Amino acid sequence: MRRTTPLLAVAVLSLLPTPLAATIIHVPVDHSTIQEAIDASADGDTVHVPYGTYYENVRFRGKAIMVTTWLDGEGERPPVVEVVIDGSFPTVPDSAATVYFVADEDERSTIRGFTITHEAYGDGRGRATGEGIVADGASPTITGNRIVGNSPHGIRYRDQGEARELRVIGNEIRWNATPGFGGGILIEQSIGPNGSNALIWSNLIVGNTAGHGGALAIRWAQGNRVIVEDNTIVGNFATTAAGIWTEKGHSDLFVEGNIFAENAGAAIVVSDYDPGSFLSTVNNTIVGNSDGILLEFGQEAIVKNNIIVGNGTGIARGYFIEFSSTYNDVWGNDVNYADCSPGEGDISEDPLFEGGIPFGYDLTADSPCIDAGDPASPPDPDGTRADMGARYYHQTPAAVDPVSALASLSVGPNPFRDGVVFSLDVRNVPSPIEITIYDVAGRLVRLLRFEHGGTGPAAFHWDGRSSSGERVTSGIYFCRVTAGYVLARMTLVAVR
């Protein structure tokens, strides 16, 4: 899959899982606290919390519900900073996390649109520190939140030896701190025979602090798959790896389409990774960190289509048994390569970023990174050869404008069981429209092609089946809507 432009990131946030049709419980109208509303809910319900600060330590109690600050299609969304769950005053001192998923919750258990914090204001009572969100033996969906000011972690995830899936999508994860592992997110003790998956997608992860893994730490992860995609990871701090740090596991780690910038510590460190481990680092932009990619020990690593500039060490191989560095721009680091050499297609040139504050890492028209990625990689959304880095340079003629081409897009139901309807209102869009669906491993599930009149409303149906005619299994799926260029990307959740 390719990277998300700022326009498409908005589409991701607006089209994340919505609840199954059932009761809407309003806080504080129906119940004065969020926990009381959860306790009164049943699977499929929605708990709606529009404004206010709630000093609570919330437990989902195994319920497949959405706790949200807005209702889809009804009114304006309140700003995230105006709906706060603050866990600073727990009734049980050793249970101070703000939100708990610890009772076998599944992907329908969703929290959306809150500030989740331990930053109490005003009343002078003694406060407790604690984690923002704990997911222990559960598979929650965490989306559109601001997770800020928690300690020791913003989010902590364990699978308890069972097949689980964590989804962290479209959040701001900021200013969380720990002296240990994973200030922003900690994934640990995924040790069961059934591998678990974690998707960390389209988040802003900034200003977190840890001993190891300021933004994200992964440890003791056995046989699972962790996907870190389309995130902006900036200004984090750690003694070892301010971006991503992983050790003591043999899971598959896919790091794609992220921006790592100005982190006080390395962007990516793989330390003491067991034989059988696999790392794929593709189409990232890694700029101005203490170091770039440090591969200390492991089985196999692929480093491809990245821009790695202005760091201490660019790429260090260490004791990785199998290693491939191809089609990267490694330039202007104190040391470009340590214990390895440039590979096929690698260049060392100024990438010619657009510049500007805060994250001006788009390519300019003269960049040597345009059309310089691996020719075998999937093409950019404009149909041209893959560029290097997290943000491709759009080469479609100026007359093609995705912002004005798509007036609206809605998808439902989502989560779905039997099928999904895509309802679009398009303007001057060439026919046909294509809807491409992928699974979490990036495998093509289905390609749908529809003819339409070019302008006006249109509705298209996917029956929830793969290209071979089989019903897709429960899980998360990525969808891209194109008409010669990308109109939108979104996440779909299948529930069987």
Protein backbone atom coordinates (compact mmCIF):
# COMPACT_ATOMS: atom_id res chain seq x y z
CA MET A 1 0.00 0.00 0.00
CA ARG A 2 1.04 3.57 -0.59
CA ARG A 3 1.12 6.55 1.67
CA THR A 4 -1.73 8.79 2.79
CA THR A 5 -1.82 12.45 1.73
CA PRO A 6 -3.20 15.02 4.23
CA LEU A 7 -6.57 14.95 2.40
CA LEU A 8 -6.76 11.19 2.66
CA ALA A 9 -5.81 11.19 6.34
CA VAL A 10 -8.99 13.17 6.99
CA ALA A 11 -10.95 10.53 5.08
CA VAL A 12 -9.44 7.83 7.28
CA LEU A 13 -10.56 9.57 10.46
CA SER A 14 -14.10 10.13 9.21
CA LEU A 15 -14.71 6.57 8.05
CA LEU A 16 -13.51 4.43 10.91
CA PRO A 17 -15.67 1.74 12.54
CA THR A 18 -19.20 2.79 13.39
CA PRO A 19 -21.47 0.91 15.74
CA LEU A 20 -24.05 -1.66 14.80
CA ALA A 21 -27.58 -0.23 14.90
CA ALA A 22 -28.80 -0.30 18.50
CA THR A 23 -29.44 1.97 21.48
CA ILE A 24 -27.68 5.32 21.88
CA ILE A 25 -27.00 6.11 25.55
CA HIS A 26 -26.29 9.79 26.22
CA VAL A 27 -23.94 11.04 28.94
CA PRO A 28 -24.75 12.93 31.12
CA VAL A 29 -28.46 12.95 30.15
CA ASP A 30 -29.19 9.24 30.58
CA HIS A 31 -26.34 8.51 33.01
CA SER A 32 -24.09 10.96 34.82
CA THR A 33 -20.84 9.03 34.24
CA ILE A 34 -19.31 7.18 31.34
CA GLN A 35 -18.90 4.03 33.43
CA GLU A 36 -22.57 4.01 34.42
CA ALA A 37 -23.50 4.29 30.74
CA ILE A 38 -21.17 1.42 29.81
CA ASP A 39 -22.60 -0.74 32.59
CA ALA A 40 -26.11 -0.10 31.26
CA SER A 41 -25.18 -0.86 27.64
CA ALA A 42 -25.42 -4.02 25.58
CA ASP A 43 -23.40 -5.24 22.58
CA GLY A 44 -23.92 -2.95 19.60
CA ASP A 45 -24.87 0.11 21.66
CA THR A 46 -23.28 3.54 21.45
CA VAL A 47 -22.33 5.63 24.47
CA HIS A 48 -22.34 9.27 23.41
CA VAL A 49 -20.31 11.78 25.47
CA PRO A 50 -20.42 15.22 23.82
CA TYR A 51 -18.66 17.70 26.18
CA GLY A 52 -17.03 17.95 29.60
CA THR A 53 -14.25 16.55 31.77
CA TYR A 54 -14.90 13.19 33.42
CA TYR A 55 -12.63 12.08 36.27
CA GLU A 56 -13.03 8.36 35.73
CA ASN A 57 -11.16 5.10 35.19
CA VAL A 58 -13.30 3.48 32.54
CA ARG A 59 -13.68 -0.29 31.91
CA PHE A 60 -15.43 -1.68 28.82
CA ARG A 61 -16.34 -4.92 30.67
CA GLY A 62 -16.16 -7.10 27.57
CA LYS A 63 -18.86 -5.18 25.70
CA ALA A 64 -18.84 -4.68 21.93
CA ILE A 65 -19.82 -1.01 22.11
CA MET A 66 -18.59 2.32 20.82
CA VAL A 67 -17.84 5.09 23.32
CA THR A 68 -17.64 8.25 21.23
CA THR A 69 -17.80 12.03 21.37
CA TRP A 70 -19.79 12.31 18.12
CA LEU A 71 -22.56 10.48 16.30
CA ASP A 72 -22.05 9.84 12.62
CA GLY A 73 -24.18 12.11 10.47
CA GLU A 74 -25.52 14.14 13.40
CA GLY A 75 -24.21 17.64 14.02
CA GLU A 76 -20.69 18.90 14.55
CA ARG A 77 -17.93 16.99 16.29
CA PRO A 78 -16.77 18.61 19.53
CA PRO A 79 -13.06 19.41 19.62
CA VAL A 80 -11.07 16.57 21.16
CA VAL A 81 -9.69 18.89 23.86
CA GLU A 82 -13.23 19.62 25.08
CA VAL A 83 -14.18 16.03 25.94
CA VAL A 84 -11.71 14.71 28.53
CA ILE A 85 -11.44 11.46 30.47
CA ASP A 86 -8.95 12.05 33.28
CA GLY A 87 -7.81 9.06 35.32
CA SER A 88 -5.95 11.06 37.96
CA PHE A 89 -8.25 10.16 40.85
CA PRO A 90 -8.79 6.36 40.82
CA THR A 91 -10.99 4.77 43.48
CA VAL A 92 -8.48 1.88 43.60
CA PRO A 93 -4.92 3.30 43.73
CA ASP A 94 -3.32 0.40 41.83
CA SER A 95 -5.88 0.69 39.01
CA ALA A 96 -5.05 4.12 37.70
CA ALA A 97 -5.17 3.67 33.92
CA THR A 98 -7.78 5.90 32.34
CA VAL A 99 -9.33 3.31 29.98
CA TYR A 100 -9.25 -0.49 30.30
CA PHE A 101 -9.92 -3.21 27.73
CA VAL A 102 -9.21 -6.27 29.87
CA ALA A 103 -12.23 -8.55 29.41
CA ASP A 104 -11.84 -10.16 25.98
CA GLU A 105 -13.24 -7.19 24.05
CA ASP A 106 -13.25 -7.50 20.25
CA GLU A 107 -12.73 -5.05 17.38
CA ARG A 108 -16.21 -3.54 17.88
CA SER A 109 -15.12 -2.24 21.29
CA THR A 110 -14.15 1.27 20.22
CA ILE A 111 -13.18 4.50 21.93
CA ARG A 112 -13.25 7.57 19.71
CA GLY A 113 -12.72 11.29 19.98
CA PHE A 114 -11.54 11.88 23.58
CA THR A 115 -8.60 13.46 25.33
CA ILE A 116 -7.36 10.60 27.54
CA THR A 117 -5.04 11.87 30.22
CA HIS A 118 -3.74 12.10 33.77
CA GLU A 119 -3.61 15.89 33.90
CA ALA A 120 -6.06 16.86 36.63
CA TYR A 121 -6.80 20.52 37.15
CA GLY A 122 -7.86 22.63 40.01
CA ASP A 123 -9.29 20.96 43.07
CA GLY A 124 -6.09 20.19 45.02
CA ARG A 125 -6.75 16.51 45.67
CA GLY A 126 -3.80 14.13 45.48
CA ARG A 127 -3.47 12.76 41.96
CA ALA A 128 -2.23 9.44 40.67
CA THR A 129 -0.20 8.73 37.58
CA GLY A 130 -1.16 5.89 35.29
CA GLU A 131 -1.40 4.60 31.75
CA GLY A 132 -3.72 6.17 29.25
CA ILE A 133 -5.17 2.97 27.75
CA VAL A 134 -4.53 -0.65 28.77
CA ALA A 135 -5.48 -3.44 26.35
CA ASP A 136 -4.73 -6.76 28.03
CA GLY A 137 -6.15 -9.88 26.39
CA ALA A 138 -8.43 -7.80 24.15
CA SER A 139 -8.75 -6.52 20.56
CA PRO A 140 -9.96 -2.91 20.81
CA THR A 141 -10.19 -0.13 18.25
CA ILE A 142 -8.65 3.17 19.45
CA THR A 143 -9.28 5.99 17.00
CA GLY A 144 -9.39 9.77 16.78
CA ASN A 145 -8.26 10.39 20.37
CA ARG A 146 -5.71 12.66 21.98
CA ILE A 147 -3.71 10.48 24.40
CA VAL A 148 -1.59 12.89 26.39
CA GLY A 149 0.25 13.29 29.68
CA ASN A 150 0.13 9.68 30.89
CA SER A 151 2.81 7.67 32.69
CA PRO A 152 4.19 5.04 32.30
CA HIS A 153 2.60 4.61 28.81
CA GLY A 154 0.11 6.23 26.51
CA ILE A 155 -1.09 2.78 25.40
CA ARG A 156 -0.02 -0.66 26.68
CA TYR A 157 -0.99 -3.84 24.84
CA ARG A 158 -0.62 -7.53 25.74
CA ASP A 159 -2.37 -10.44 24.01
CA GLN A 160 -2.20 -12.95 26.92
CA GLY A 161 -1.21 -15.78 24.58
CA GLU A 162 -4.33 -15.62 22.39
CA ALA A 163 -4.94 -14.39 18.84
CA ARG A 164 -5.73 -10.68 19.24
CA GLU A 165 -5.71 -7.53 17.12
CA LEU A 166 -4.94 -4.02 18.31
CA ARG A 167 -5.98 -1.08 16.11
CA VAL A 168 -4.55 2.38 16.92
CA ILE A 169 -5.72 4.65 14.10
CA GLY A 170 -5.71 8.41 13.67
CA ASN A 171 -4.77 9.43 17.22
CA GLU A 172 -2.51 12.12 18.63
CA ILE A 173 -0.18 10.46 21.16
CA ARG A 174 1.78 13.15 22.95
CA TRP A 175 3.86 13.81 26.09
CA ASN A 176 3.56 10.38 27.67
CA ALA A 177 6.58 9.20 29.64
CA THR A 178 8.22 6.15 31.22
CA PRO A 179 11.72 5.36 32.47
CA GLY A 180 11.32 1.93 30.86
CA PHE A 181 9.90 0.79 27.51
CA GLY A 182 7.46 2.54 25.19
CA GLY A 183 6.49 6.02 26.30
CA GLY A 184 3.86 6.43 23.58
CA ILE A 185 2.93 2.78 22.94
CA LEU A 186 4.21 -0.46 24.48
CA ILE A 187 3.47 -3.81 22.83
CA GLU A 188 4.76 -6.65 25.00
CA GLN A 189 4.38 -10.28 25.98
CA SER A 190 2.69 -11.39 22.77
CA ILE A 191 3.92 -14.91 23.43
CA GLY A 192 1.09 -17.31 22.63
CA PRO A 193 1.05 -19.99 19.95
CA ASN A 194 -1.54 -17.93 18.09
CA GLY A 195 0.15 -14.84 16.72
CA SER A 196 -1.52 -11.46 17.26
CA ASN A 197 -1.62 -8.41 15.02
CA ALA A 198 -1.20 -4.74 15.85
CA LEU A 199 -1.95 -1.91 13.44
CA ILE A 200 -0.47 1.51 14.28
CA TRP A 201 -1.78 3.68 11.44
CA SER A 202 -2.02 7.37 10.64
CA ASN A 203 -1.16 8.67 14.12
CA LEU A 204 0.76 11.75 15.23
CA ILE A 205 3.23 10.52 17.86
CA VAL A 206 5.19 13.41 19.30
CA GLY A 207 7.10 14.43 22.43
CA ASN A 208 7.01 11.08 24.26
CA THR A 209 9.87 9.94 26.51
CA ALA A 210 11.24 6.50 27.46
CA GLY A 211 14.40 4.64 28.27
CA HIS A 212 13.81 2.50 25.16
CA GLY A 213 11.33 3.35 22.42
CA GLY A 214 10.09 6.88 23.01
CA ALA A 215 7.26 6.53 20.47
CA LEU A 216 6.86 2.73 20.34
CA ALA A 217 8.51 -0.28 21.98
CA ILE A 218 7.87 -3.93 21.02
CA ARG A 219 9.30 -6.67 23.23
CA TRP A 220 8.75 -10.36 23.81
CA ALA A 221 6.55 -10.48 20.70
CA GLN A 222 6.49 -14.00 19.29
CA GLY A 223 4.99 -14.99 15.96
CA ASN A 224 2.83 -11.90 15.53
CA ARG A 225 2.61 -9.11 12.97
CA VAL A 226 3.02 -5.42 13.82
CA ILE A 227 2.23 -2.87 11.10
CA VAL A 228 3.39 0.72 11.62
CA GLU A 229 2.14 2.76 8.68
CA ASP A 230 1.56 6.40 7.68
CA ASN A 231 2.47 7.84 11.10
CA THR A 232 4.28 11.08 11.86
CA ILE A 233 6.79 10.35 14.63
CA VAL A 234 8.48 13.57 15.69
CA GLY A 235 10.38 15.03 18.64
CA ASN A 236 10.36 11.96 20.88
CA PHE A 237 13.19 11.19 23.32
CA ALA A 238 14.85 7.98 24.51
CA THR A 239 18.21 6.72 25.61
CA THR A 240 17.80 4.00 22.97
CA ALA A 241 15.52 4.53 19.94
CA ALA A 242 13.32 7.58 20.25
CA GLY A 243 11.16 6.23 17.44
CA ILE A 244 10.69 2.43 17.36
CA TRP A 245 12.63 -0.01 19.52
CA THR A 246 12.17 -3.78 19.46
CA GLU A 247 13.89 -6.72 21.09
CA LYS A 248 13.51 -10.34 22.23
CA GLY A 249 11.01 -11.54 19.67
CA HIS A 250 10.61 -13.24 16.32
CA SER A 251 7.61 -11.39 14.98
CA ASP A 252 7.18 -9.63 11.63
CA LEU A 253 7.49 -5.84 11.78
CA PHE A 254 6.38 -3.73 8.82
CA VAL A 255 7.34 -0.03 8.96
CA GLU A 256 5.97 1.80 5.92
CA GLY A 257 5.20 5.34 4.87
CA ASN A 258 6.16 7.02 8.16
CA ILE A 259 7.95 10.28 8.84
CA PHE A 260 10.60 10.09 11.58
CA ALA A 261 11.95 13.58 12.24
CA GLU A 262 14.00 15.35 14.89
CA ASN A 263 13.81 12.55 17.44
CA ALA A 264 16.44 12.64 20.21
CA GLY A 265 17.49 9.06 19.67
CA ALA A 266 17.49 6.69 16.72
CA ALA A 267 14.43 6.41 14.47
CA ILE A 268 14.43 2.59 14.41
CA VAL A 269 16.46 0.15 16.50
CA VAL A 270 16.20 -3.64 16.31
CA SER A 271 18.05 -5.03 19.31
CA ASP A 272 18.53 -8.72 20.14
CA TYR A 273 15.83 -9.93 17.74
CA ASP A 274 15.51 -13.72 17.67
CA PRO A 275 16.17 -15.89 14.62
CA GLY A 276 13.01 -16.01 12.54
CA SER A 277 12.36 -12.29 12.85
CA PHE A 278 11.55 -10.21 9.78
CA LEU A 279 11.74 -6.43 9.38
CA SER A 280 10.45 -4.52 6.36
CA THR A 281 11.26 -0.80 6.32
CA VAL A 282 9.81 0.72 3.15
CA ASN A 283 9.05 4.27 1.93
CA ASN A 284 9.84 6.08 5.16
CA THR A 285 11.31 9.57 5.46
CA ILE A 286 13.91 9.61 8.25
CA VAL A 287 15.36 13.06 8.83
CA GLY A 288 17.38 14.78 11.55
CA ASN A 289 17.30 12.06 14.20
CA SER A 290 20.23 11.08 16.41
CA ASP A 291 20.52 8.02 14.14
CA GLY A 292 18.48 6.48 11.35
CA ILE A 293 18.09 2.67 11.21
CA LEU A 294 20.23 0.60 13.59
CA LEU A 295 19.94 -3.16 13.03
CA GLU A 296 21.84 -4.73 15.90
CA PHE A 297 20.83 -8.40 15.67
CA GLY A 298 18.17 -10.39 13.82
CA GLN A 299 17.26 -12.69 10.97
CA GLU A 300 16.17 -10.68 7.93
CA ALA A 301 15.75 -6.98 7.15
CA ILE A 302 14.59 -5.22 3.99
CA VAL A 303 15.35 -1.49 3.77
CA LYS A 304 13.85 -0.07 0.58
CA ASN A 305 12.59 3.19 -0.96
CA ASN A 306 13.48 5.26 2.12
CA ILE A 307 14.90 8.77 2.39
CA ILE A 308 17.47 8.79 5.21
CA VAL A 309 19.17 12.18 5.53
CA GLY A 310 20.74 14.39 8.18
CA ASN A 311 20.99 11.77 10.94
CA GLY A 312 24.02 10.56 12.90
CA THR A 313 24.38 7.11 11.32
CA GLY A 314 22.12 6.51 8.33
CA ILE A 315 21.95 2.67 8.20
CA ALA A 316 23.92 0.31 10.46
CA ARG A 317 23.66 -3.42 9.79
CA GLY A 318 25.13 -5.05 12.89
CA TYR A 319 24.59 -8.83 13.01
CA PHE A 320 21.54 -9.26 10.81
CA ILE A 321 21.91 -12.55 8.94
CA GLU A 322 20.07 -11.47 5.78
CA PHE A 323 20.07 -7.81 4.82
CA SER A 324 18.98 -5.86 1.76
CA SER A 325 19.35 -2.11 1.21
CA THR A 326 17.94 -1.02 -2.16
CA TYR A 327 16.58 2.14 -3.77
CA ASN A 328 17.16 4.41 -0.79
CA ASP A 329 18.46 7.97 -0.70
CA VAL A 330 21.07 7.97 2.09
CA TRP A 331 22.66 11.40 2.17
CA GLY A 332 24.14 13.97 4.52
CA ASN A 333 24.35 11.73 7.59
CA ASP A 334 27.46 11.84 9.77
CA VAL A 335 28.02 8.25 8.60
CA ASN A 336 25.80 7.09 5.74
CA TYR A 337 26.47 3.33 6.06
CA ALA A 338 28.00 1.38 8.96
CA ASP A 339 28.92 -2.29 8.47
CA CYS A 340 27.04 -2.29 5.16
CA SER A 341 27.29 -0.72 1.71
CA PRO A 342 24.94 0.93 -0.77
CA GLY A 343 22.80 -1.59 -2.63
CA GLU A 344 21.05 -1.66 -5.97
CA GLY A 345 19.37 1.65 -6.75
CA ASP A 346 20.70 3.43 -3.64
CA ILE A 347 21.63 7.07 -4.21
CA SER A 348 23.22 9.77 -2.07
CA GLU A 349 21.76 13.14 -3.07
CA ASP A 350 19.91 16.05 -1.52
CA PRO A 351 16.23 14.96 -1.70
CA LEU A 352 15.14 18.59 -2.22
CA PHE A 353 12.30 18.73 0.23
CA GLU A 354 9.66 21.40 -0.10
CA GLY A 355 10.43 22.67 3.42
CA GLY A 356 8.34 24.68 5.81
CA ILE A 357 6.86 24.14 9.25
CA PRO A 358 6.01 21.78 10.75
CA PHE A 359 6.64 18.74 8.51
CA GLY A 360 7.69 19.99 5.09
CA TYR A 361 8.97 16.71 3.68
CA ASP A 362 7.08 16.73 0.39
CA LEU A 363 9.31 16.46 -2.66
CA THR A 364 9.83 19.33 -5.07
CA ALA A 365 9.61 18.82 -8.83
CA ASP A 366 13.40 18.49 -9.22
CA SER A 367 13.91 15.91 -6.48
CA PRO A 368 16.12 12.95 -7.43
CA CYS A 369 13.79 10.75 -5.36
CA ILE A 370 10.92 11.01 -7.86
CA ASP A 371 10.44 7.79 -9.87
CA ALA A 372 13.56 6.43 -8.14
CA GLY A 373 12.02 3.70 -5.97
CA ASP A 374 12.14 0.01 -6.70
CA PRO A 375 10.52 -0.53 -10.14
CA ALA A 376 8.92 -3.69 -8.73
CA SER A 377 7.16 -1.74 -5.94
CA PRO A 378 3.48 -0.86 -6.32
CA PRO A 379 3.14 2.38 -8.32
CA ASP A 380 2.32 5.68 -6.69
CA PRO A 381 -1.36 6.68 -6.57
CA ASP A 382 -0.85 8.76 -9.73
CA GLY A 383 0.17 5.59 -11.58
CA THR A 384 3.86 6.46 -11.94
CA ARG A 385 6.87 4.50 -10.69
CA ALA A 386 7.26 4.51 -6.92
CA ASP A 387 9.09 7.47 -5.43
CA MET A 388 11.41 7.27 -2.45
CA GLY A 389 10.18 8.48 0.93
CA ALA A 390 6.87 8.73 2.75
CA ARG A 391 5.28 11.36 0.52
CA TYR A 392 5.22 10.82 -3.20
CA TYR A 393 5.31 13.67 -5.73
CA HIS A 394 1.98 13.83 -7.55
CA GLN A 395 2.55 13.95 -11.32
CA THR A 396 -1.07 14.02 -12.50
CA PRO A 397 -1.82 17.19 -14.54
CA ALA A 398 -3.03 20.14 -12.53
CA ALA A 399 -6.53 19.84 -14.02
CA VAL A 400 -7.04 16.72 -11.91
CA ASP A 401 -7.88 17.88 -8.40
CA PRO A 402 -9.03 15.17 -5.94
CA VAL A 403 -10.28 17.82 -3.50
CA SER A 404 -12.82 19.24 -5.96
CA ALA A 405 -13.53 15.90 -7.62
CA LEU A 406 -15.08 14.26 -4.55
CA ALA A 407 -17.91 16.14 -2.86
CA SER A 408 -18.78 13.43 -0.33
CA LEU A 409 -18.24 9.77 0.44
CA SER A 410 -20.01 7.58 2.96
CA VAL A 411 -19.66 3.87 3.65
CA GLY A 412 -21.99 1.61 5.53
CA PRO A 413 -22.51 -0.45 7.42
CA ASN A 414 -19.08 -0.43 9.02
CA PRO A 415 -18.39 -2.81 10.76
CA PHE A 416 -20.14 -5.05 8.22
CA ARG A 417 -21.28 -8.65 7.97
CA ASP A 418 -22.74 -9.23 4.52
CA GLY A 419 -21.59 -6.29 2.45
CA VAL A 420 -20.77 -2.60 2.18
CA VAL A 421 -22.30 0.21 0.12
CA PHE A 422 -20.05 3.07 -1.05
CA SER A 423 -22.12 6.23 -1.66
CA LEU A 424 -20.25 8.96 -3.56
CA ASP A 425 -21.11 12.42 -4.86
CA VAL A 426 -18.53 13.11 -7.55
CA ARG A 427 -17.69 16.10 -9.73
CA ASN A 428 -16.05 15.74 -13.14
CA VAL A 429 -14.59 12.34 -12.33
CA PRO A 430 -13.53 10.16 -15.26
CA SER A 431 -15.13 6.73 -15.51
CA PRO A 432 -14.59 4.06 -14.30
CA ILE A 433 -14.28 4.28 -10.54
CA GLU A 434 -12.19 1.49 -9.01
CA ILE A 435 -12.47 0.25 -5.43
CA THR A 436 -9.48 -1.80 -4.29
CA ILE A 437 -9.58 -3.78 -1.05
CA TYR A 438 -6.50 -5.17 0.75
CA ASP A 439 -6.03 -7.20 3.91
CA VAL A 440 -3.68 -6.17 6.75
CA ALA A 441 -0.79 -8.00 5.07
CA GLY A 442 -1.18 -5.83 1.98
CA ARG A 443 -2.59 -8.67 -0.15
CA LEU A 444 -5.18 -7.77 -2.78
CA VAL A 445 -8.59 -9.10 -1.71
CA ARG A 446 -10.86 -7.63 -4.39
CA LEU A 447 -10.76 -5.11 -7.23
CA LEU A 448 -14.15 -3.65 -8.18
CA ARG A 449 -14.65 -1.51 -11.30
CA PHE A 450 -17.80 0.54 -11.85
CA GLU A 451 -18.93 2.72 -14.75
CA HIS A 452 -20.76 5.96 -13.92
CA GLY A 453 -21.90 9.21 -15.48
CA GLY A 454 -18.92 11.29 -14.32
CA THR A 455 -20.87 13.75 -12.15
CA GLY A 456 -23.44 13.42 -9.40
CA PRO A 457 -24.32 10.80 -6.81
CA ALA A 458 -23.49 7.15 -7.28
CA ALA A 459 -23.68 4.03 -5.10
CA PHE A 460 -21.52 0.90 -5.44
CA HIS A 461 -21.76 -2.37 -3.53
CA TRP A 462 -19.14 -4.82 -2.30
CA ASP A 463 -20.59 -8.13 -1.21
CA GLY A 464 -17.83 -8.86 1.31
CA ARG A 465 -16.28 -11.56 -0.86
CA SER A 466 -12.78 -12.01 -2.24
CA SER A 467 -11.94 -12.28 -5.92
CA SER A 468 -12.26 -16.07 -5.58
CA GLY A 469 -15.84 -15.70 -4.30
CA GLU A 470 -15.14 -16.58 -0.66
CA ARG A 471 -16.53 -14.48 2.16
CA VAL A 472 -13.75 -12.53 3.86
CA THR A 473 -12.98 -13.45 7.45
CA SER A 474 -13.37 -11.17 10.45
CA GLY A 475 -10.71 -8.50 10.62
CA ILE A 476 -9.56 -5.15 9.33
CA TYR A 477 -9.34 -4.27 5.63
CA PHE A 478 -7.97 -1.28 3.76
CA CYS A 479 -9.91 0.24 0.90
CA ARG A 480 -8.82 2.71 -1.79
CA VAL A 481 -11.24 4.53 -4.12
CA THR A 482 -9.64 5.75 -7.36
CA ALA A 483 -10.64 7.26 -10.71
CA GLY A 484 -7.22 7.52 -12.32
CA TYR A 485 -6.06 9.14 -9.09
CA VAL A 486 -6.86 8.51 -5.45
CA LEU A 487 -10.19 9.90 -4.21
CA ALA A 488 -10.11 8.41 -0.70
CA ARG A 489 -8.75 5.69 1.53
CA MET A 490 -10.51 4.15 4.50
CA THR A 491 -10.63 1.25 6.91
CA LEU A 492 -13.34 -1.42 6.88
CA VAL A 493 -13.99 -3.95 9.63
CA ALA A 494 -15.57 -7.34 8.87
CA VAL A 495 -17.47 -9.02 11.71
CA ARG A 496 -18.52 -12.65 11.20
